[in-house]
Amino acid sequence: ALDQSIDIANQLFKNSRADYLEVLLNQ
């Protein structure tokens, strides 16, 4: 589940729809 959430968070971060904290926490 977390592997899938990483891909989603990275995609959202690239599109500026998620901030860096969400990406860091997921990773």
mmCIF file of all heavy atoms, coordinates in Angstrom:
data_MODEL
# 
_entry.id   MODEL 
# 
loop_
_atom_site.group_PDB 
_atom_site.id 
_atom_site.type_symbol 
_atom_site.label_atom_id 
_atom_site.label_alt_id 
_atom_site.label_comp_id 
_atom_site.label_asym_id 
_atom_site.label_entity_id 
_atom_site.label_seq_id 
_atom_site.pdbx_PDB_ins_code 
_atom_site.Cartn_x 
_atom_site.Cartn_y 
_atom_site.Cartn_z 
_atom_site.occupancy 
_atom_site.B_iso_or_equiv 
_atom_site.pdbx_formal_charge 
_atom_site.auth_seq_id 
_atom_site.auth_comp_id 
_atom_site.auth_asym_id 
_atom_site.auth_atom_id 
_atom_site.pdbx_PDB_model_num 
ATOM 1   N N   . ALA A 1 1  ? 0.837  -1.215 0.000   1.00 0.00 ? 1  ALA A N   1 
ATOM 2   C CA  . ALA A 1 1  ? 0.000  0.000  0.000   1.00 0.00 ? 1  ALA A CA  1 
ATOM 3   C C   . ALA A 1 1  ? 0.866  1.257  0.000   1.00 0.00 ? 1  ALA A C   1 
ATOM 4   O O   . ALA A 1 1  ? 0.578  2.234  -0.720  1.00 0.00 ? 1  ALA A O   1 
ATOM 5   C CB  . ALA A 1 1  ? -0.927 -0.012 1.210   1.00 0.00 ? 1  ALA A CB  1 
ATOM 6   N N   . LEU A 1 2  ? 1.938  1.259  0.773   1.00 0.00 ? 2  LEU A N   1 
ATOM 7   C CA  . LEU A 1 2  ? 2.799  2.443  0.857   1.00 0.00 ? 2  LEU A CA  1 
ATOM 8   C C   . LEU A 1 2  ? 3.587  2.643  -0.431  1.00 0.00 ? 2  LEU A C   1 
ATOM 9   O O   . LEU A 1 2  ? 3.869  3.792  -0.816  1.00 0.00 ? 2  LEU A O   1 
ATOM 10  C CB  . LEU A 1 2  ? 3.741  2.323  2.058   1.00 0.00 ? 2  LEU A CB  1 
ATOM 11  C CG  . LEU A 1 2  ? 3.065  2.524  3.422   1.00 0.00 ? 2  LEU A CG  1 
ATOM 12  C CD1 . LEU A 1 2  ? 4.019  2.175  4.552   1.00 0.00 ? 2  LEU A CD1 1 
ATOM 13  C CD2 . LEU A 1 2  ? 2.582  3.968  3.574   1.00 0.00 ? 2  LEU A CD2 1 
ATOM 14  N N   . ASP A 1 3  ? 3.972  1.553  -1.089  1.00 0.00 ? 3  ASP A N   1 
ATOM 15  C CA  . ASP A 1 3  ? 4.655  1.686  -2.383  1.00 0.00 ? 3  ASP A CA  1 
ATOM 16  C C   . ASP A 1 3  ? 3.739  2.396  -3.391  1.00 0.00 ? 3  ASP A C   1 
ATOM 17  O O   . ASP A 1 3  ? 4.191  3.261  -4.166  1.00 0.00 ? 3  ASP A O   1 
ATOM 18  C CB  . ASP A 1 3  ? 5.052  0.308  -2.927  1.00 0.00 ? 3  ASP A CB  1 
ATOM 19  C CG  . ASP A 1 3  ? 6.353  -0.198 -2.312  1.00 0.00 ? 3  ASP A CG  1 
ATOM 20  O OD1 . ASP A 1 3  ? 7.106  0.624  -1.753  1.00 0.00 ? 3  ASP A OD1 1 
ATOM 21  O OD2 . ASP A 1 3  ? 6.606  -1.419 -2.375  1.00 0.00 ? 3  ASP A OD2 1 
ATOM 22  N N   . GLN A 1 4  ? 2.487  2.044  -3.376  1.00 0.00 ? 4  GLN A N   1 
ATOM 23  C CA  . GLN A 1 4  ? 1.528  2.692  -4.271  1.00 0.00 ? 4  GLN A CA  1 
ATOM 24  C C   . GLN A 1 4  ? 1.329  4.162  -3.888  1.00 0.00 ? 4  GLN A C   1 
ATOM 25  O O   . GLN A 1 4  ? 1.224  5.042  -4.751  1.00 0.00 ? 4  GLN A O   1 
ATOM 26  C CB  . GLN A 1 4  ? 0.189  1.953  -4.230  1.00 0.00 ? 4  GLN A CB  1 
ATOM 27  C CG  . GLN A 1 4  ? 0.249  0.543  -4.803  1.00 0.00 ? 4  GLN A CG  1 
ATOM 28  C CD  . GLN A 1 4  ? -1.026 -0.249 -4.554  1.00 0.00 ? 4  GLN A CD  1 
ATOM 29  O OE1 . GLN A 1 4  ? -1.982 0.267  -3.980  1.00 0.00 ? 4  GLN A OE1 1 
ATOM 30  N NE2 . GLN A 1 4  ? -1.045 -1.506 -5.012  1.00 0.00 ? 4  GLN A NE2 1 
ATOM 31  N N   . SER A 1 5  ? 1.324  4.432  -2.576  1.00 0.00 ? 5  SER A N   1 
ATOM 32  C CA  . SER A 1 5  ? 1.130  5.816  -2.131  1.00 0.00 ? 5  SER A CA  1 
ATOM 33  C C   . SER A 1 5  ? 2.314  6.694  -2.496  1.00 0.00 ? 5  SER A C   1 
ATOM 34  O O   . SER A 1 5  ? 2.153  7.898  -2.750  1.00 0.00 ? 5  SER A O   1 
ATOM 35  C CB  . SER A 1 5  ? 0.876  5.864  -0.628  1.00 0.00 ? 5  SER A CB  1 
ATOM 36  O OG  . SER A 1 5  ? 2.056  5.535  0.087   1.00 0.00 ? 5  SER A OG  1 
ATOM 37  N N   . ILE A 1 6  ? 3.517  6.119  -2.562  1.00 0.00 ? 6  ILE A N   1 
ATOM 38  C CA  . ILE A 1 6  ? 4.696  6.896  -2.969  1.00 0.00 ? 6  ILE A CA  1 
ATOM 39  C C   . ILE A 1 6  ? 4.549  7.376  -4.402  1.00 0.00 ? 6  ILE A C   1 
ATOM 40  O O   . ILE A 1 6  ? 4.813  8.545  -4.729  1.00 0.00 ? 6  ILE A O   1 
ATOM 41  C CB  . ILE A 1 6  ? 5.978  6.058  -2.806  1.00 0.00 ? 6  ILE A CB  1 
ATOM 42  C CG1 . ILE A 1 6  ? 6.348  5.914  -1.322  1.00 0.00 ? 6  ILE A CG1 1 
ATOM 43  C CG2 . ILE A 1 6  ? 7.158  6.702  -3.546  1.00 0.00 ? 6  ILE A CG2 1 
ATOM 44  C CD1 . ILE A 1 6  ? 7.570  5.072  -1.078  1.00 0.00 ? 6  ILE A CD1 1 
ATOM 45  N N   . ASP A 1 7  ? 4.160  6.475  -5.283  1.00 0.00 ? 7  ASP A N   1 
ATOM 46  C CA  . ASP A 1 7  ? 3.979  6.857  -6.679  1.00 0.00 ? 7  ASP A CA  1 
ATOM 47  C C   . ASP A 1 7  ? 2.914  7.948  -6.816  1.00 0.00 ? 7  ASP A C   1 
ATOM 48  O O   . ASP A 1 7  ? 3.085  8.920  -7.580  1.00 0.00 ? 7  ASP A O   1 
ATOM 49  C CB  . ASP A 1 7  ? 3.565  5.627  -7.507  1.00 0.00 ? 7  ASP A CB  1 
ATOM 50  C CG  . ASP A 1 7  ? 4.670  4.586  -7.569  1.00 0.00 ? 7  ASP A CG  1 
ATOM 51  O OD1 . ASP A 1 7  ? 5.849  4.978  -7.415  1.00 0.00 ? 7  ASP A OD1 1 
ATOM 52  O OD2 . ASP A 1 7  ? 4.358  3.391  -7.753  1.00 0.00 ? 7  ASP A OD2 1 
ATOM 53  N N   . ILE A 1 8  ? 1.831  7.810  -6.065  1.00 0.00 ? 8  ILE A N   1 
ATOM 54  C CA  . ILE A 1 8  ? 0.761  8.821  -6.121  1.00 0.00 ? 8  ILE A CA  1 
ATOM 55  C C   . ILE A 1 8  ? 1.257  10.163 -5.598  1.00 0.00 ? 8  ILE A C   1 
ATOM 56  O O   . ILE A 1 8  ? 1.025  11.224 -6.218  1.00 0.00 ? 8  ILE A O   1 
ATOM 57  C CB  . ILE A 1 8  ? -0.458 8.342  -5.306  1.00 0.00 ? 8  ILE A CB  1 
ATOM 58  C CG1 . ILE A 1 8  ? -1.069 7.079  -5.947  1.00 0.00 ? 8  ILE A CG1 1 
ATOM 59  C CG2 . ILE A 1 8  ? -1.517 9.438  -5.210  1.00 0.00 ? 8  ILE A CG2 1 
ATOM 60  C CD1 . ILE A 1 8  ? -2.123 6.411  -5.091  1.00 0.00 ? 8  ILE A CD1 1 
ATOM 61  N N   . ALA A 1 9  ? 1.969  10.148 -4.459  1.00 0.00 ? 9  ALA A N   1 
ATOM 62  C CA  . ALA A 1 9  ? 2.468  11.394 -3.858  1.00 0.00 ? 9  ALA A CA  1 
ATOM 63  C C   . ALA A 1 9  ? 3.464  12.090 -4.774  1.00 0.00 ? 9  ALA A C   1 
ATOM 64  O O   . ALA A 1 9  ? 3.436  13.327 -4.914  1.00 0.00 ? 9  ALA A O   1 
ATOM 65  C CB  . ALA A 1 9  ? 3.115  11.086 -2.498  1.00 0.00 ? 9  ALA A CB  1 
ATOM 66  N N   . ASN A 1 10 ? 4.347  11.304 -5.408  1.00 0.00 ? 10 ASN A N   1 
ATOM 67  C CA  . ASN A 1 10 ? 5.333  11.907 -6.316  1.00 0.00 ? 10 ASN A CA  1 
ATOM 68  C C   . ASN A 1 10 ? 4.645  12.552 -7.516  1.00 0.00 ? 10 ASN A C   1 
ATOM 69  O O   . ASN A 1 10 ? 5.045  13.645 -7.966  1.00 0.00 ? 10 ASN A O   1 
ATOM 70  C CB  . ASN A 1 10 ? 6.332  10.844 -6.790  1.00 0.00 ? 10 ASN A CB  1 
ATOM 71  C CG  . ASN A 1 10 ? 7.305  10.444 -5.704  1.00 0.00 ? 10 ASN A CG  1 
ATOM 72  O OD1 . ASN A 1 10 ? 7.513  11.193 -4.745  1.00 0.00 ? 10 ASN A OD1 1 
ATOM 73  N ND2 . ASN A 1 10 ? 7.912  9.264  -5.831  1.00 0.00 ? 10 ASN A ND2 1 
ATOM 74  N N   . GLN A 1 11 ? 3.637  11.902 -8.033  1.00 0.00 ? 11 GLN A N   1 
ATOM 75  C CA  . GLN A 1 11 ? 2.916  12.453 -9.184  1.00 0.00 ? 11 GLN A CA  1 
ATOM 76  C C   . GLN A 1 11 ? 2.194  13.743 -8.808  1.00 0.00 ? 11 GLN A C   1 
ATOM 77  O O   . GLN A 1 11 ? 2.225  14.733 -9.552  1.00 0.00 ? 11 GLN A O   1 
ATOM 78  C CB  . GLN A 1 11 ? 1.914  11.405 -9.703  1.00 0.00 ? 11 GLN A CB  1 
ATOM 79  C CG  . GLN A 1 11 ? 1.317  11.755 -11.059 1.00 0.00 ? 11 GLN A CG  1 
ATOM 80  C CD  . GLN A 1 11 ? 2.365  11.791 -12.171 1.00 0.00 ? 11 GLN A CD  1 
ATOM 81  O OE1 . GLN A 1 11 ? 3.295  10.988 -12.176 1.00 0.00 ? 11 GLN A OE1 1 
ATOM 82  N NE2 . GLN A 1 11 ? 2.245  12.733 -13.082 1.00 0.00 ? 11 GLN A NE2 1 
ATOM 83  N N   . LEU A 1 12 ? 1.578  13.729 -7.617  1.00 0.00 ? 12 LEU A N   1 
ATOM 84  C CA  . LEU A 1 12 ? 0.885  14.935 -7.149  1.00 0.00 ? 12 LEU A CA  1 
ATOM 85  C C   . LEU A 1 12 ? 1.882  16.072 -6.894  1.00 0.00 ? 12 LEU A C   1 
ATOM 86  O O   . LEU A 1 12 ? 1.584  17.239 -7.160  1.00 0.00 ? 12 LEU A O   1 
ATOM 87  C CB  . LEU A 1 12 ? 0.099  14.622 -5.871  1.00 0.00 ? 12 LEU A CB  1 
ATOM 88  C CG  . LEU A 1 12 ? -1.125 13.700 -6.032  1.00 0.00 ? 12 LEU A CG  1 
ATOM 89  C CD1 . LEU A 1 12 ? -1.708 13.343 -4.668  1.00 0.00 ? 12 LEU A CD1 1 
ATOM 90  C CD2 . LEU A 1 12 ? -2.194 14.364 -6.909  1.00 0.00 ? 12 LEU A CD2 1 
ATOM 91  N N   . PHE A 1 13 ? 3.072  15.704 -6.357  1.00 0.00 ? 13 PHE A N   1 
ATOM 92  C CA  . PHE A 1 13 ? 4.076  16.734 -6.083  1.00 0.00 ? 13 PHE A CA  1 
ATOM 93  C C   . PHE A 1 13 ? 4.578  17.375 -7.373  1.00 0.00 ? 13 PHE A C   1 
ATOM 94  O O   . PHE A 1 13 ? 4.796  18.595 -7.441  1.00 0.00 ? 13 PHE A O   1 
ATOM 95  C CB  . PHE A 1 13 ? 5.232  16.107 -5.294  1.00 0.00 ? 13 PHE A CB  1 
ATOM 96  C CG  . PHE A 1 13 ? 6.295  17.103 -4.896  1.00 0.00 ? 13 PHE A CG  1 
ATOM 97  C CD1 . PHE A 1 13 ? 6.009  18.157 -4.024  1.00 0.00 ? 13 PHE A CD1 1 
ATOM 98  C CD2 . PHE A 1 13 ? 7.593  16.999 -5.394  1.00 0.00 ? 13 PHE A CD2 1 
ATOM 99  C CE1 . PHE A 1 13 ? 6.998  19.064 -3.645  1.00 0.00 ? 13 PHE A CE1 1 
ATOM 100 C CE2 . PHE A 1 13 ? 8.577  17.910 -5.027  1.00 0.00 ? 13 PHE A CE2 1 
ATOM 101 C CZ  . PHE A 1 13 ? 8.275  18.948 -4.141  1.00 0.00 ? 13 PHE A CZ  1 
ATOM 102 N N   . LYS A 1 14 ? 4.755  16.558 -8.411  1.00 0.00 ? 14 LYS A N   1 
ATOM 103 C CA  . LYS A 1 14 ? 5.198  17.099 -9.700  1.00 0.00 ? 14 LYS A CA  1 
ATOM 104 C C   . LYS A 1 14 ? 4.180  18.077 -10.260 1.00 0.00 ? 14 LYS A C   1 
ATOM 105 O O   . LYS A 1 14 ? 4.538  19.059 -10.912 1.00 0.00 ? 14 LYS A O   1 
ATOM 106 C CB  . LYS A 1 14 ? 5.421  15.951 -10.702 1.00 0.00 ? 14 LYS A CB  1 
ATOM 107 C CG  . LYS A 1 14 ? 6.649  15.108 -10.441 1.00 0.00 ? 14 LYS A CG  1 
ATOM 108 C CD  . LYS A 1 14 ? 6.765  14.006 -11.481 1.00 0.00 ? 14 LYS A CD  1 
ATOM 109 C CE  . LYS A 1 14 ? 7.955  13.106 -11.211 1.00 0.00 ? 14 LYS A CE  1 
ATOM 110 N NZ  . LYS A 1 14 ? 8.064  12.012 -12.192 1.00 0.00 ? 14 LYS A NZ  1 
ATOM 111 N N   . ASN A 1 15 ? 2.912  17.780 -10.001 1.00 0.00 ? 15 ASN A N   1 
ATOM 112 C CA  . ASN A 1 15 ? 1.846  18.636 -10.533 1.00 0.00 ? 15 ASN A CA  1 
ATOM 113 C C   . ASN A 1 15 ? 1.424  19.720 -9.539  1.00 0.00 ? 15 ASN A C   1 
ATOM 114 O O   . ASN A 1 15 ? 0.372  20.355 -9.739  1.00 0.00 ? 15 ASN A O   1 
ATOM 115 C CB  . ASN A 1 15 ? 0.627  17.785 -10.903 1.00 0.00 ? 15 ASN A CB  1 
ATOM 116 C CG  . ASN A 1 15 ? 0.940  16.783 -12.001 1.00 0.00 ? 15 ASN A CG  1 
ATOM 117 O OD1 . ASN A 1 15 ? 1.724  17.073 -12.898 1.00 0.00 ? 15 ASN A OD1 1 
ATOM 118 N ND2 . ASN A 1 15 ? 0.345  15.606 -11.928 1.00 0.00 ? 15 ASN A ND2 1 
ATOM 119 N N   . SER A 1 16 ? 2.248  19.885 -8.480  1.00 0.00 ? 16 SER A N   1 
ATOM 120 C CA  . SER A 1 16 ? 1.997  20.915 -7.458  1.00 0.00 ? 16 SER A CA  1 
ATOM 121 C C   . SER A 1 16 ? 0.642  20.739 -6.765  1.00 0.00 ? 16 SER A C   1 
ATOM 122 O O   . SER A 1 16 ? 0.024  21.697 -6.323  1.00 0.00 ? 16 SER A O   1 
ATOM 123 C CB  . SER A 1 16 ? 2.073  22.321 -8.090  1.00 0.00 ? 16 SER A CB  1 
ATOM 124 O OG  . SER A 1 16 ? 3.337  22.535 -8.652  1.00 0.00 ? 16 SER A OG  1 
ATOM 125 N N   . ARG A 1 17 ? 0.197  19.503 -6.659  1.00 0.00 ? 17 ARG A N   1 
ATOM 126 C CA  . ARG A 1 17 ? -1.067 19.249 -5.976  1.00 0.00 ? 17 ARG A CA  1 
ATOM 127 C C   . ARG A 1 17 ? -0.855 18.642 -4.586  1.00 0.00 ? 17 ARG A C   1 
ATOM 128 O O   . ARG A 1 17 ? -1.811 18.332 -3.879  1.00 0.00 ? 17 ARG A O   1 
ATOM 129 C CB  . ARG A 1 17 ? -1.923 18.305 -6.831  1.00 0.00 ? 17 ARG A CB  1 
ATOM 130 C CG  . ARG A 1 17 ? -2.350 18.944 -8.166  1.00 0.00 ? 17 ARG A CG  1 
ATOM 131 C CD  . ARG A 1 17 ? -3.147 17.965 -8.995  1.00 0.00 ? 17 ARG A CD  1 
ATOM 132 N NE  . ARG A 1 17 ? -4.373 17.564 -8.323  1.00 0.00 ? 17 ARG A NE  1 
ATOM 133 C CZ  . ARG A 1 17 ? -5.190 16.609 -8.775  1.00 0.00 ? 17 ARG A CZ  1 
ATOM 134 N NH1 . ARG A 1 17 ? -4.876 15.958 -9.903  1.00 0.00 ? 17 ARG A NH1 1 
ATOM 135 N NH2 . ARG A 1 17 ? -6.293 16.305 -8.114  1.00 0.00 ? 17 ARG A NH2 1 
ATOM 136 N N   . ALA A 1 18 ? 0.413  18.416 -4.224  1.00 0.00 ? 18 ALA A N   1 
ATOM 137 C CA  . ALA A 1 18 ? 0.777  17.944 -2.885  1.00 0.00 ? 18 ALA A CA  1 
ATOM 138 C C   . ALA A 1 18 ? 2.066  18.629 -2.475  1.00 0.00 ? 18 ALA A C   1 
ATOM 139 O O   . ALA A 1 18 ? 2.932  18.911 -3.322  1.00 0.00 ? 18 ALA A O   1 
ATOM 140 C CB  . ALA A 1 18 ? 0.958  16.426 -2.873  1.00 0.00 ? 18 ALA A CB  1 
ATOM 141 N N   . ASP A 1 19 ? 2.211  18.922 -1.180  1.00 0.00 ? 19 ASP A N   1 
ATOM 142 C CA  . ASP A 1 19 ? 3.442  19.594 -0.746  1.00 0.00 ? 19 ASP A CA  1 
ATOM 143 C C   . ASP A 1 19 ? 4.520  18.556 -0.406  1.00 0.00 ? 19 ASP A C   1 
ATOM 144 O O   . ASP A 1 19 ? 4.284  17.354 -0.368  1.00 0.00 ? 19 ASP A O   1 
ATOM 145 C CB  . ASP A 1 19 ? 3.167  20.516 0.448   1.00 0.00 ? 19 ASP A CB  1 
ATOM 146 C CG  . ASP A 1 19 ? 2.634  19.769 1.651   1.00 0.00 ? 19 ASP A CG  1 
ATOM 147 O OD1 . ASP A 1 19 ? 2.866  18.531 1.731   1.00 0.00 ? 19 ASP A OD1 1 
ATOM 148 O OD2 . ASP A 1 19 ? 2.001  20.396 2.516   1.00 0.00 ? 19 ASP A OD2 1 
ATOM 149 N N   . TYR A 1 20 ? 5.725  19.077 -0.142  1.00 0.00 ? 20 TYR A N   1 
ATOM 150 C CA  . TYR A 1 20 ? 6.883  18.203 0.077   1.00 0.00 ? 20 TYR A CA  1 
ATOM 151 C C   . TYR A 1 20 ? 6.737  17.350 1.344   1.00 0.00 ? 20 TYR A C   1 
ATOM 152 O O   . TYR A 1 20 ? 7.273  16.249 1.448   1.00 0.00 ? 20 TYR A O   1 
ATOM 153 C CB  . TYR A 1 20 ? 8.166  19.043 0.153   1.00 0.00 ? 20 TYR A CB  1 
ATOM 154 C CG  . TYR A 1 20 ? 8.200  19.990 1.335   1.00 0.00 ? 20 TYR A CG  1 
ATOM 155 C CD1 . TYR A 1 20 ? 8.772  19.589 2.533   1.00 0.00 ? 20 TYR A CD1 1 
ATOM 156 C CD2 . TYR A 1 20 ? 7.663  21.272 1.261   1.00 0.00 ? 20 TYR A CD2 1 
ATOM 157 C CE1 . TYR A 1 20 ? 8.810  20.442 3.625   1.00 0.00 ? 20 TYR A CE1 1 
ATOM 158 C CE2 . TYR A 1 20 ? 7.694  22.120 2.336   1.00 0.00 ? 20 TYR A CE2 1 
ATOM 159 C CZ  . TYR A 1 20 ? 8.268  21.712 3.528   1.00 0.00 ? 20 TYR A CZ  1 
ATOM 160 O OH  . TYR A 1 20 ? 8.311  22.545 4.603   1.00 0.00 ? 20 TYR A OH  1 
ATOM 161 N N   . LEU A 1 21 ? 6.001  17.845 2.366   1.00 0.00 ? 21 LEU A N   1 
ATOM 162 C CA  . LEU A 1 21 ? 5.843  17.091 3.603   1.00 0.00 ? 21 LEU A CA  1 
ATOM 163 C C   . LEU A 1 21 ? 5.095  15.780 3.362   1.00 0.00 ? 21 LEU A C   1 
ATOM 164 O O   . LEU A 1 21 ? 5.426  14.746 3.927   1.00 0.00 ? 21 LEU A O   1 
ATOM 165 C CB  . LEU A 1 21 ? 5.103  17.931 4.651   1.00 0.00 ? 21 LEU A CB  1 
ATOM 166 C CG  . LEU A 1 21 ? 5.909  19.080 5.263   1.00 0.00 ? 21 LEU A CG  1 
ATOM 167 C CD1 . LEU A 1 21 ? 5.044  19.890 6.211   1.00 0.00 ? 21 LEU A CD1 1 
ATOM 168 C CD2 . LEU A 1 21 ? 7.132  18.533 5.991   1.00 0.00 ? 21 LEU A CD2 1 
ATOM 169 N N   . GLU A 1 22 ? 4.106  15.814 2.509   1.00 0.00 ? 22 GLU A N   1 
ATOM 170 C CA  . GLU A 1 22 ? 3.353  14.600 2.187   1.00 0.00 ? 22 GLU A CA  1 
ATOM 171 C C   . GLU A 1 22 ? 4.246  13.573 1.498   1.00 0.00 ? 22 GLU A C   1 
ATOM 172 O O   . GLU A 1 22 ? 4.180  12.368 1.775   1.00 0.00 ? 22 GLU A O   1 
ATOM 173 C CB  . GLU A 1 22 ? 2.156  14.942 1.295   1.00 0.00 ? 22 GLU A CB  1 
ATOM 174 C CG  . GLU A 1 22 ? 1.066  15.740 2.014   1.00 0.00 ? 22 GLU A CG  1 
ATOM 175 C CD  . GLU A 1 22 ? -0.088 16.108 1.086   1.00 0.00 ? 22 GLU A CD  1 
ATOM 176 O OE1 . GLU A 1 22 ? 0.169  16.850 0.118   1.00 0.00 ? 22 GLU A OE1 1 
ATOM 177 O OE2 . GLU A 1 22 ? -1.208 15.633 1.327   1.00 0.00 ? 22 GLU A OE2 1 
ATOM 178 N N   . VAL A 1 23 ? 5.088  14.093 0.599   1.00 0.00 ? 23 VAL A N   1 
ATOM 179 C CA  . VAL A 1 23 ? 6.023  13.200 -0.094  1.00 0.00 ? 23 VAL A CA  1 
ATOM 180 C C   . VAL A 1 23 ? 7.006  12.585 0.886   1.00 0.00 ? 23 VAL A C   1 
ATOM 181 O O   . VAL A 1 23 ? 7.256  11.368 0.890   1.00 0.00 ? 23 VAL A O   1 
ATOM 182 C CB  . VAL A 1 23 ? 6.769  13.955 -1.206  1.00 0.00 ? 23 VAL A CB  1 
ATOM 183 C CG1 . VAL A 1 23 ? 7.811  13.041 -1.863  1.00 0.00 ? 23 VAL A CG1 1 
ATOM 184 C CG2 . VAL A 1 23 ? 5.799  14.480 -2.250  1.00 0.00 ? 23 VAL A CG2 1 
ATOM 185 N N   . LEU A 1 24 ? 7.585  13.412 1.771   1.00 0.00 ? 24 LEU A N   1 
ATOM 186 C CA  . LEU A 1 24 ? 8.562  12.928 2.754   1.00 0.00 ? 24 LEU A CA  1 
ATOM 187 C C   . LEU A 1 24 ? 7.949  11.896 3.690   1.00 0.00 ? 24 LEU A C   1 
ATOM 188 O O   . LEU A 1 24 ? 8.541  10.852 3.964   1.00 0.00 ? 24 LEU A O   1 
ATOM 189 C CB  . LEU A 1 24 ? 9.115  14.102 3.567   1.00 0.00 ? 24 LEU A CB  1 
ATOM 190 C CG  . LEU A 1 24 ? 10.244 14.913 2.927   1.00 0.00 ? 24 LEU A CG  1 
ATOM 191 C CD1 . LEU A 1 24 ? 10.610 16.098 3.800   1.00 0.00 ? 24 LEU A CD1 1 
ATOM 192 C CD2 . LEU A 1 24 ? 11.468 14.045 2.697   1.00 0.00 ? 24 LEU A CD2 1 
ATOM 193 N N   . LEU A 1 25 ? 6.788  12.184 4.206   1.00 0.00 ? 25 LEU A N   1 
ATOM 194 C CA  . LEU A 1 25 ? 6.143  11.269 5.148   1.00 0.00 ? 25 LEU A CA  1 
ATOM 195 C C   . LEU A 1 25 ? 5.822  9.932  4.498   1.00 0.00 ? 25 LEU A C   1 
ATOM 196 O O   . LEU A 1 25 ? 5.995  8.860  5.102   1.00 0.00 ? 25 LEU A O   1 
ATOM 197 C CB  . LEU A 1 25 ? 4.869  11.909 5.700   1.00 0.00 ? 25 LEU A CB  1 
ATOM 198 C CG  . LEU A 1 25 ? 5.069  13.071 6.682   1.00 0.00 ? 25 LEU A CG  1 
ATOM 199 C CD1 . LEU A 1 25 ? 3.734  13.714 7.043   1.00 0.00 ? 25 LEU A CD1 1 
ATOM 200 C CD2 . LEU A 1 25 ? 5.789  12.595 7.940   1.00 0.00 ? 25 LEU A CD2 1 
ATOM 201 N N   . ASN A 1 26 ? 5.351  9.978  3.247   1.00 0.00 ? 26 ASN A N   1 
ATOM 202 C CA  . ASN A 1 26 ? 5.066  8.737  2.531   1.00 0.00 ? 26 ASN A CA  1 
ATOM 203 C C   . ASN A 1 26 ? 6.332  7.906  2.312   1.00 0.00 ? 26 ASN A C   1 
ATOM 204 O O   . ASN A 1 26 ? 6.328  6.690  2.468   1.00 0.00 ? 26 ASN A O   1 
ATOM 205 C CB  . ASN A 1 26 ? 4.412  9.045  1.185   1.00 0.00 ? 26 ASN A CB  1 
ATOM 206 C CG  . ASN A 1 26 ? 2.894  9.111  1.294   1.00 0.00 ? 26 ASN A CG  1 
ATOM 207 O OD1 . ASN A 1 26 ? 2.224  8.087  1.364   1.00 0.00 ? 26 ASN A OD1 1 
ATOM 208 N ND2 . ASN A 1 26 ? 2.363  10.316 1.329   1.00 0.00 ? 26 ASN A ND2 1 
ATOM 209 N N   . GLN A 1 27 ? 7.415  8.618  1.940   1.00 0.00 ? 27 GLN A N   1 
ATOM 210 C CA  . GLN A 1 27 ? 8.673  7.903  1.686   1.00 0.00 ? 27 GLN A CA  1 
ATOM 211 C C   . GLN A 1 27 ? 9.230  7.299  2.974   1.00 0.00 ? 27 GLN A C   1 
ATOM 212 O O   . GLN A 1 27 ? 9.726  6.171  2.990   1.00 0.00 ? 27 GLN A O   1 
ATOM 213 C CB  . GLN A 1 27 ? 9.688  8.862  1.058   1.00 0.00 ? 27 GLN A CB  1 
ATOM 214 C CG  . GLN A 1 27 ? 9.332  9.254  -0.374  1.00 0.00 ? 27 GLN A CG  1 
ATOM 215 C CD  . GLN A 1 27 ? 10.294 10.272 -0.951  1.00 0.00 ? 27 GLN A CD  1 
ATOM 216 O OE1 . GLN A 1 27 ? 11.111 10.857 -0.218  1.00 0.00 ? 27 GLN A OE1 1 
ATOM 217 N NE2 . GLN A 1 27 ? 10.194 10.515 -2.256  1.00 0.00 ? 27 GLN A NE2 1 
# 
